[in-house]
Amino acid sequence: MGLIRRWPRLGSKVVSVGFDESYARSFTSVSEIDHLSSTHKREIQLTQECVVDQELAQKLECEKYLRFLRFTNIRTHPTDEGKPVVWTAVYVNAAYSKLPELARHNPLVLLSTLIEKEYGERCQEVTQKISAVPLPAEAAISLNATPGSPALRILRHYLGICRNILEISESYHPGDRYSLTINMQNGRRDVR
């Protein structure tokens, strides 16, 4: 069982107390996932309607033919003379037509919170995928960065109570403007 290790003529030693070696990352609320929202001001740039084609469906990891309202925004550093730190493309149900204007007037509020207040759709879960990618040209222009330079891409799906997509966001952080810290706790369980 791996609990005791034995050495001939030397003796035995307990090497495990029978705990689960998995690690757990825990958040107390959905809003903790996007700490930038409460400290870095959002500036809306462009808003347009789109229908998800095959290429966009693969990129966003969603179904084809969904009708979205796409808007882009940047978040700026609160103390570094408004330096842009992240560029984001947000995709929401086209029925949420008031959302870009609400976001413009509430630059420090999570979009999922605005969706809940205005449309009654509560965010129950957020899935997040982080990858290292070359910075796309569209994002690079707004971030005053070099297209193709190292960047961190964060794809988030904000899901409602019925696991319906409320929002998809695709954020790009230039490599030198973002770091992610995750606190993990050992999920030890003592055997008695």
C-alpha atoms as a PDB file:
ATOM      1  CA  MET A   1       0.000   0.000   0.000  1.00  0.00           C
ATOM      2  CA  GLY A   2       3.056   2.288   0.126  1.00  0.00           C
ATOM      3  CA  LEU A   3       2.593   3.231   3.766  1.00  0.00           C
ATOM      4  CA  ILE A   4       5.750   1.604   5.149  1.00  0.00           C
ATOM      5  CA  ARG A   5       9.218   1.233   3.667  1.00  0.00           C
ATOM      6  CA  ARG A   6      11.416  -1.660   4.899  1.00  0.00           C
ATOM      7  CA  TRP A   7      15.194  -2.070   4.717  1.00  0.00           C
ATOM      8  CA  PRO A   8      16.756  -5.466   5.514  1.00  0.00           C
ATOM      9  CA  ARG A   9      18.623  -5.424   8.857  1.00  0.00           C
ATOM     10  CA  LEU A  10      17.965  -1.639   9.238  1.00  0.00           C
ATOM     11  CA  GLY A  11      14.331  -1.495  10.154  1.00  0.00           C
ATOM     12  CA  SER A  12      11.107   0.056   8.846  1.00  0.00           C
ATOM     13  CA  LYS A  13       9.845   3.590   8.404  1.00  0.00           C
ATOM     14  CA  VAL A  14       6.352   4.996   7.913  1.00  0.00           C
ATOM     15  CA  VAL A  15       6.584   6.939   4.646  1.00  0.00           C
ATOM     16  CA  SER A  16       2.908   7.834   4.192  1.00  0.00           C
ATOM     17  CA  VAL A  17       0.007   8.539   6.465  1.00  0.00           C
ATOM     18  CA  GLY A  18      -2.520   7.712   3.761  1.00  0.00           C
ATOM     19  CA  PHE A  19      -3.455  11.032   2.243  1.00  0.00           C
ATOM     20  CA  ASP A  20      -4.813  12.012  -1.135  1.00  0.00           C
ATOM     21  CA  GLU A  21      -2.013  13.725  -3.065  1.00  0.00           C
ATOM     22  CA  SER A  22      -4.284  15.838  -5.241  1.00  0.00           C
ATOM     23  CA  TYR A  23      -4.141  19.608  -4.993  1.00  0.00           C
ATOM     24  CA  ALA A  24      -7.160  21.878  -5.020  1.00  0.00           C
ATOM     25  CA  ARG A  25      -7.418  25.454  -6.159  1.00  0.00           C
ATOM     26  CA  SER A  26     -10.319  27.205  -4.528  1.00  0.00           C
ATOM     27  CA  PHE A  27     -12.044  30.519  -5.044  1.00  0.00           C
ATOM     28  CA  THR A  28     -14.723  31.841  -2.749  1.00  0.00           C
ATOM     29  CA  SER A  29     -16.658  33.565  -5.550  1.00  0.00           C
ATOM     30  CA  VAL A  30     -16.758  33.917  -9.327  1.00  0.00           C
ATOM     31  CA  SER A  31     -15.697  37.552  -9.064  1.00  0.00           C
ATOM     32  CA  GLU A  32     -12.280  36.525  -7.698  1.00  0.00           C
ATOM     33  CA  ILE A  33     -11.408  34.994 -11.062  1.00  0.00           C
ATOM     34  CA  ASP A  34     -11.211  38.391 -12.695  1.00  0.00           C
ATOM     35  CA  HIS A  35      -9.553  40.612 -10.099  1.00  0.00           C
ATOM     36  CA  LEU A  36      -8.683  43.086 -12.862  1.00  0.00           C
ATOM     37  CA  SER A  37     -12.335  44.103 -13.096  1.00  0.00           C
ATOM     38  CA  SER A  38     -12.355  45.832  -9.737  1.00  0.00           C
ATOM     39  CA  THR A  39      -8.983  47.563 -10.054  1.00  0.00           C
ATOM     40  CA  HIS A  40      -8.383  48.230 -13.759  1.00  0.00           C
ATOM     41  CA  LYS A  41     -10.760  50.488 -15.675  1.00  0.00           C
ATOM     42  CA  ARG A  42     -12.455  49.039 -18.773  1.00  0.00           C
ATOM     43  CA  GLU A  43     -12.604  51.139 -21.953  1.00  0.00           C
ATOM     44  CA  ILE A  44     -15.019  49.899 -24.636  1.00  0.00           C
ATOM     45  CA  GLN A  45     -13.618  50.215 -28.161  1.00  0.00           C
ATOM     46  CA  LEU A  46     -15.716  48.529 -30.846  1.00  0.00           C
ATOM     47  CA  THR A  47     -19.141  46.861 -30.882  1.00  0.00           C
ATOM     48  CA  GLN A  48     -20.585  44.740 -33.688  1.00  0.00           C
ATOM     49  CA  GLU A  49     -22.895  41.782 -34.256  1.00  0.00           C
ATOM     50  CA  CYS A  50     -21.511  38.491 -35.513  1.00  0.00           C
ATOM     51  CA  VAL A  51     -22.630  34.961 -36.289  1.00  0.00           C
ATOM     52  CA  VAL A  52     -20.239  32.222 -35.222  1.00  0.00           C
ATOM     53  CA  ASP A  53     -18.720  30.490 -38.231  1.00  0.00           C
ATOM     54  CA  GLN A  54     -16.594  27.312 -38.223  1.00  0.00           C
ATOM     55  CA  GLU A  55     -13.298  29.153 -37.572  1.00  0.00           C
ATOM     56  CA  LEU A  56     -14.675  31.286 -34.735  1.00  0.00           C
ATOM     57  CA  ALA A  57     -16.424  28.254 -33.185  1.00  0.00           C
ATOM     58  CA  GLN A  58     -13.075  26.439 -32.993  1.00  0.00           C
ATOM     59  CA  LYS A  59     -11.320  29.501 -31.583  1.00  0.00           C
ATOM     60  CA  LEU A  60     -13.973  30.147 -28.907  1.00  0.00           C
ATOM     61  CA  GLU A  61     -14.740  26.458 -28.290  1.00  0.00           C
ATOM     62  CA  CYS A  62     -18.461  26.922 -28.801  1.00  0.00           C
ATOM     63  CA  GLU A  63     -21.208  25.900 -31.218  1.00  0.00           C
ATOM     64  CA  LYS A  64     -21.498  27.280 -34.733  1.00  0.00           C
ATOM     65  CA  TYR A  65     -24.260  29.668 -35.817  1.00  0.00           C
ATOM     66  CA  LEU A  66     -24.701  31.383 -32.458  1.00  0.00           C
ATOM     67  CA  ARG A  67     -25.579  35.063 -32.863  1.00  0.00           C
ATOM     68  CA  PHE A  68     -23.377  37.188 -30.658  1.00  0.00           C
ATOM     69  CA  LEU A  69     -22.761  40.798 -29.906  1.00  0.00           C
ATOM     70  CA  ARG A  70     -18.971  41.203 -29.986  1.00  0.00           C
ATOM     71  CA  PHE A  71     -17.302  44.111 -28.326  1.00  0.00           C
ATOM     72  CA  THR A  72     -13.699  44.802 -27.590  1.00  0.00           C
ATOM     73  CA  ASN A  73     -12.224  46.619 -24.656  1.00  0.00           C
ATOM     74  CA  ILE A  74      -8.960  47.338 -22.961  1.00  0.00           C
ATOM     75  CA  ARG A  75      -8.239  47.549 -19.279  1.00  0.00           C
ATOM     76  CA  THR A  76      -5.733  50.097 -18.122  1.00  0.00           C
ATOM     77  CA  HIS A  77      -3.297  50.098 -15.228  1.00  0.00           C
ATOM     78  CA  PRO A  78      -4.668  52.190 -12.328  1.00  0.00           C
ATOM     79  CA  THR A  79      -1.326  53.766 -11.390  1.00  0.00           C
ATOM     80  CA  ASP A  80       0.901  53.566 -14.488  1.00  0.00           C
ATOM     81  CA  GLU A  81      -0.554  56.551 -16.411  1.00  0.00           C
ATOM     82  CA  GLY A  82      -3.382  54.451 -17.815  1.00  0.00           C
ATOM     83  CA  LYS A  83      -1.083  51.993 -19.609  1.00  0.00           C
ATOM     84  CA  PRO A  84      -3.168  49.268 -21.302  1.00  0.00           C
ATOM     85  CA  VAL A  85      -2.558  45.857 -19.714  1.00  0.00           C
ATOM     86  CA  VAL A  86      -5.122  43.603 -21.406  1.00  0.00           C
ATOM     87  CA  TRP A  87      -7.193  43.597 -24.585  1.00  0.00           C
ATOM     88  CA  THR A  88     -10.401  41.562 -24.548  1.00  0.00           C
ATOM     89  CA  ALA A  89     -12.978  40.497 -27.124  1.00  0.00           C
ATOM     90  CA  VAL A  90     -16.271  39.730 -25.411  1.00  0.00           C
ATOM     91  CA  TYR A  91     -19.040  37.688 -27.006  1.00  0.00           C
ATOM     92  CA  VAL A  92     -22.508  37.814 -25.484  1.00  0.00           C
ATOM     93  CA  ASN A  93     -25.940  36.778 -26.668  1.00  0.00           C
ATOM     94  CA  ALA A  94     -27.071  39.368 -29.243  1.00  0.00           C
ATOM     95  CA  ALA A  95     -30.231  39.844 -27.144  1.00  0.00           C
ATOM     96  CA  TYR A  96     -28.032  41.537 -24.498  1.00  0.00           C
ATOM     97  CA  SER A  97     -27.906  44.653 -26.675  1.00  0.00           C
ATOM     98  CA  LYS A  98     -27.645  47.051 -23.704  1.00  0.00           C
ATOM     99  CA  LEU A  99     -24.513  45.393 -22.334  1.00  0.00           C
ATOM    100  CA  PRO A 100     -21.825  47.475 -24.136  1.00  0.00           C
ATOM    101  CA  GLU A 101     -23.429  50.702 -22.937  1.00  0.00           C
ATOM    102  CA  LEU A 102     -23.868  49.339 -19.409  1.00  0.00           C
ATOM    103  CA  ALA A 103     -20.211  48.271 -19.416  1.00  0.00           C
ATOM    104  CA  ARG A 104     -19.167  51.737 -20.594  1.00  0.00           C
ATOM    105  CA  HIS A 105     -21.008  53.362 -17.673  1.00  0.00           C
ATOM    106  CA  ASN A 106     -19.823  50.746 -15.134  1.00  0.00           C
ATOM    107  CA  PRO A 107     -16.135  50.231 -16.001  1.00  0.00           C
ATOM    108  CA  LEU A 108     -15.225  48.452 -12.742  1.00  0.00           C
ATOM    109  CA  VAL A 109     -18.115  45.951 -12.679  1.00  0.00           C
ATOM    110  CA  LEU A 110     -17.868  42.386 -13.995  1.00  0.00           C
ATOM    111  CA  LEU A 111     -19.889  41.864 -17.166  1.00  0.00           C
ATOM    112  CA  SER A 112     -21.511  38.785 -15.652  1.00  0.00           C
ATOM    113  CA  THR A 113     -22.777  41.007 -12.834  1.00  0.00           C
ATOM    114  CA  LEU A 114     -24.232  43.462 -15.354  1.00  0.00           C
ATOM    115  CA  ILE A 115     -25.923  40.586 -17.215  1.00  0.00           C
ATOM    116  CA  GLU A 116     -27.507  39.387 -13.981  1.00  0.00           C
ATOM    117  CA  LYS A 117     -28.729  42.862 -12.981  1.00  0.00           C
ATOM    118  CA  GLU A 118     -30.133  43.800 -16.404  1.00  0.00           C
ATOM    119  CA  TYR A 119     -31.298  40.444 -17.803  1.00  0.00           C
ATOM    120  CA  GLY A 120     -31.800  38.267 -14.714  1.00  0.00           C
ATOM    121  CA  GLU A 121     -29.330  35.620 -15.922  1.00  0.00           C
ATOM    122  CA  ARG A 122     -27.077  34.528 -13.060  1.00  0.00           C
ATOM    123  CA  CYS A 123     -23.559  33.248 -13.713  1.00  0.00           C
ATOM    124  CA  GLN A 124     -23.172  29.899 -11.970  1.00  0.00           C
ATOM    125  CA  GLU A 125     -19.781  28.785 -13.261  1.00  0.00           C
ATOM    126  CA  VAL A 126     -16.750  30.090 -15.118  1.00  0.00           C
ATOM    127  CA  THR A 127     -14.390  27.859 -17.047  1.00  0.00           C
ATOM    128  CA  GLN A 128     -11.006  29.279 -17.884  1.00  0.00           C
ATOM    129  CA  LYS A 129      -8.312  28.137 -20.300  1.00  0.00           C
ATOM    130  CA  ILE A 130      -4.892  29.819 -20.291  1.00  0.00           C
ATOM    131  CA  SER A 131      -2.384  29.429 -23.119  1.00  0.00           C
ATOM    132  CA  ALA A 132       0.782  31.071 -24.405  1.00  0.00           C
ATOM    133  CA  VAL A 133       0.293  32.478 -27.917  1.00  0.00           C
ATOM    134  CA  PRO A 134       1.650  35.107 -30.311  1.00  0.00           C
ATOM    135  CA  LEU A 135      -0.116  38.445 -29.766  1.00  0.00           C
ATOM    136  CA  PRO A 136      -2.723  39.038 -32.532  1.00  0.00           C
ATOM    137  CA  ALA A 137      -2.418  42.275 -34.531  1.00  0.00           C
ATOM    138  CA  GLU A 138      -5.865  43.547 -33.453  1.00  0.00           C
ATOM    139  CA  ALA A 139      -4.882  43.299 -29.790  1.00  0.00           C
ATOM    140  CA  ALA A 140      -1.331  44.558 -30.335  1.00  0.00           C
ATOM    141  CA  ILE A 141      -2.538  47.883 -31.780  1.00  0.00           C
ATOM    142  CA  SER A 142      -4.635  48.686 -28.708  1.00  0.00           C
ATOM    143  CA  LEU A 143      -1.930  47.497 -26.313  1.00  0.00           C
ATOM    144  CA  ASN A 144       0.907  49.438 -27.964  1.00  0.00           C
ATOM    145  CA  ALA A 145       2.750  46.130 -28.363  1.00  0.00           C
ATOM    146  CA  THR A 146       4.414  44.245 -31.182  1.00  0.00           C
ATOM    147  CA  PRO A 147       2.177  41.858 -33.165  1.00  0.00           C
ATOM    148  CA  GLY A 148       3.393  38.285 -32.776  1.00  0.00           C
ATOM    149  CA  SER A 149       5.228  38.969 -29.513  1.00  0.00           C
ATOM    150  CA  PRO A 150       4.687  36.515 -26.612  1.00  0.00           C
ATOM    151  CA  ALA A 151       1.303  36.857 -24.962  1.00  0.00           C
ATOM    152  CA  LEU A 152      -0.977  35.069 -22.550  1.00  0.00           C
ATOM    153  CA  ARG A 153      -4.454  34.216 -23.878  1.00  0.00           C
ATOM    154  CA  ILE A 154      -7.246  33.584 -21.396  1.00  0.00           C
ATOM    155  CA  LEU A 155     -10.452  32.094 -22.781  1.00  0.00           C
ATOM    156  CA  ARG A 156     -13.356  32.181 -20.346  1.00  0.00           C
ATOM    157  CA  HIS A 157     -16.849  30.759 -20.656  1.00  0.00           C
ATOM    158  CA  TYR A 158     -19.375  32.243 -18.228  1.00  0.00           C
ATOM    159  CA  LEU A 159     -22.190  29.727 -17.793  1.00  0.00           C
ATOM    160  CA  GLY A 160     -25.705  30.213 -16.481  1.00  0.00           C
ATOM    161  CA  ILE A 161     -27.709  27.983 -14.178  1.00  0.00           C
ATOM    162  CA  CYS A 162     -28.722  25.695 -17.076  1.00  0.00           C
ATOM    163  CA  ARG A 163     -25.088  25.687 -18.329  1.00  0.00           C
ATOM    164  CA  ASN A 164     -26.050  28.064 -21.111  1.00  0.00           C
ATOM    165  CA  ILE A 165     -23.356  30.455 -22.326  1.00  0.00           C
ATOM    166  CA  LEU A 166     -23.885  33.950 -20.940  1.00  0.00           C
ATOM    167  CA  GLU A 167     -20.563  35.317 -22.086  1.00  0.00           C
ATOM    168  CA  ILE A 168     -17.342  34.228 -23.739  1.00  0.00           C
ATOM    169  CA  SER A 169     -14.283  36.404 -23.290  1.00  0.00           C
ATOM    170  CA  GLU A 170     -10.957  36.120 -25.028  1.00  0.00           C
ATOM    171  CA  SER A 171      -8.262  38.208 -23.334  1.00  0.00           C
ATOM    172  CA  TYR A 172      -4.709  38.866 -24.464  1.00  0.00           C
ATOM    173  CA  HIS A 173      -2.004  40.024 -22.067  1.00  0.00           C
ATOM    174  CA  PRO A 174       1.430  40.978 -23.407  1.00  0.00           C
ATOM    175  CA  GLY A 175       3.958  38.650 -21.784  1.00  0.00           C
ATOM    176  CA  ASP A 176       5.490  41.357 -19.601  1.00  0.00           C
ATOM    177  CA  ARG A 177       2.214  42.770 -18.261  1.00  0.00           C
ATOM    178  CA  TYR A 178       0.559  39.866 -16.477  1.00  0.00           C
ATOM    179  CA  SER A 179       1.339  37.226 -13.934  1.00  0.00           C
ATOM    180  CA  LEU A 180      -0.949  34.621 -12.458  1.00  0.00           C
ATOM    181  CA  THR A 181      -0.664  33.502  -8.857  1.00  0.00           C
ATOM    182  CA  ILE A 182      -2.623  30.508  -7.647  1.00  0.00           C
ATOM    183  CA  ASN A 183      -2.584  29.415  -4.016  1.00  0.00           C
ATOM    184  CA  MET A 184      -2.929  25.672  -3.584  1.00  0.00           C
ATOM    185  CA  GLN A 185      -3.480  23.677  -0.453  1.00  0.00           C
ATOM    186  CA  ASN A 186      -2.501  20.123   0.082  1.00  0.00           C
ATOM    187  CA  GLY A 187      -5.697  18.105   0.412  1.00  0.00           C
ATOM    188  CA  ARG A 188      -4.295  15.825   3.131  1.00  0.00           C
ATOM    189  CA  ARG A 189      -6.659  13.627   4.979  1.00  0.00           C
ATOM    190  CA  ASP A 190      -5.308  11.942   8.057  1.00  0.00           C
ATOM    191  CA  VAL A 191      -5.976   8.255   8.538  1.00  0.00           C
ATOM    192  CA  ARG A 192      -6.753   7.423  12.141  1.00  0.00           C
END
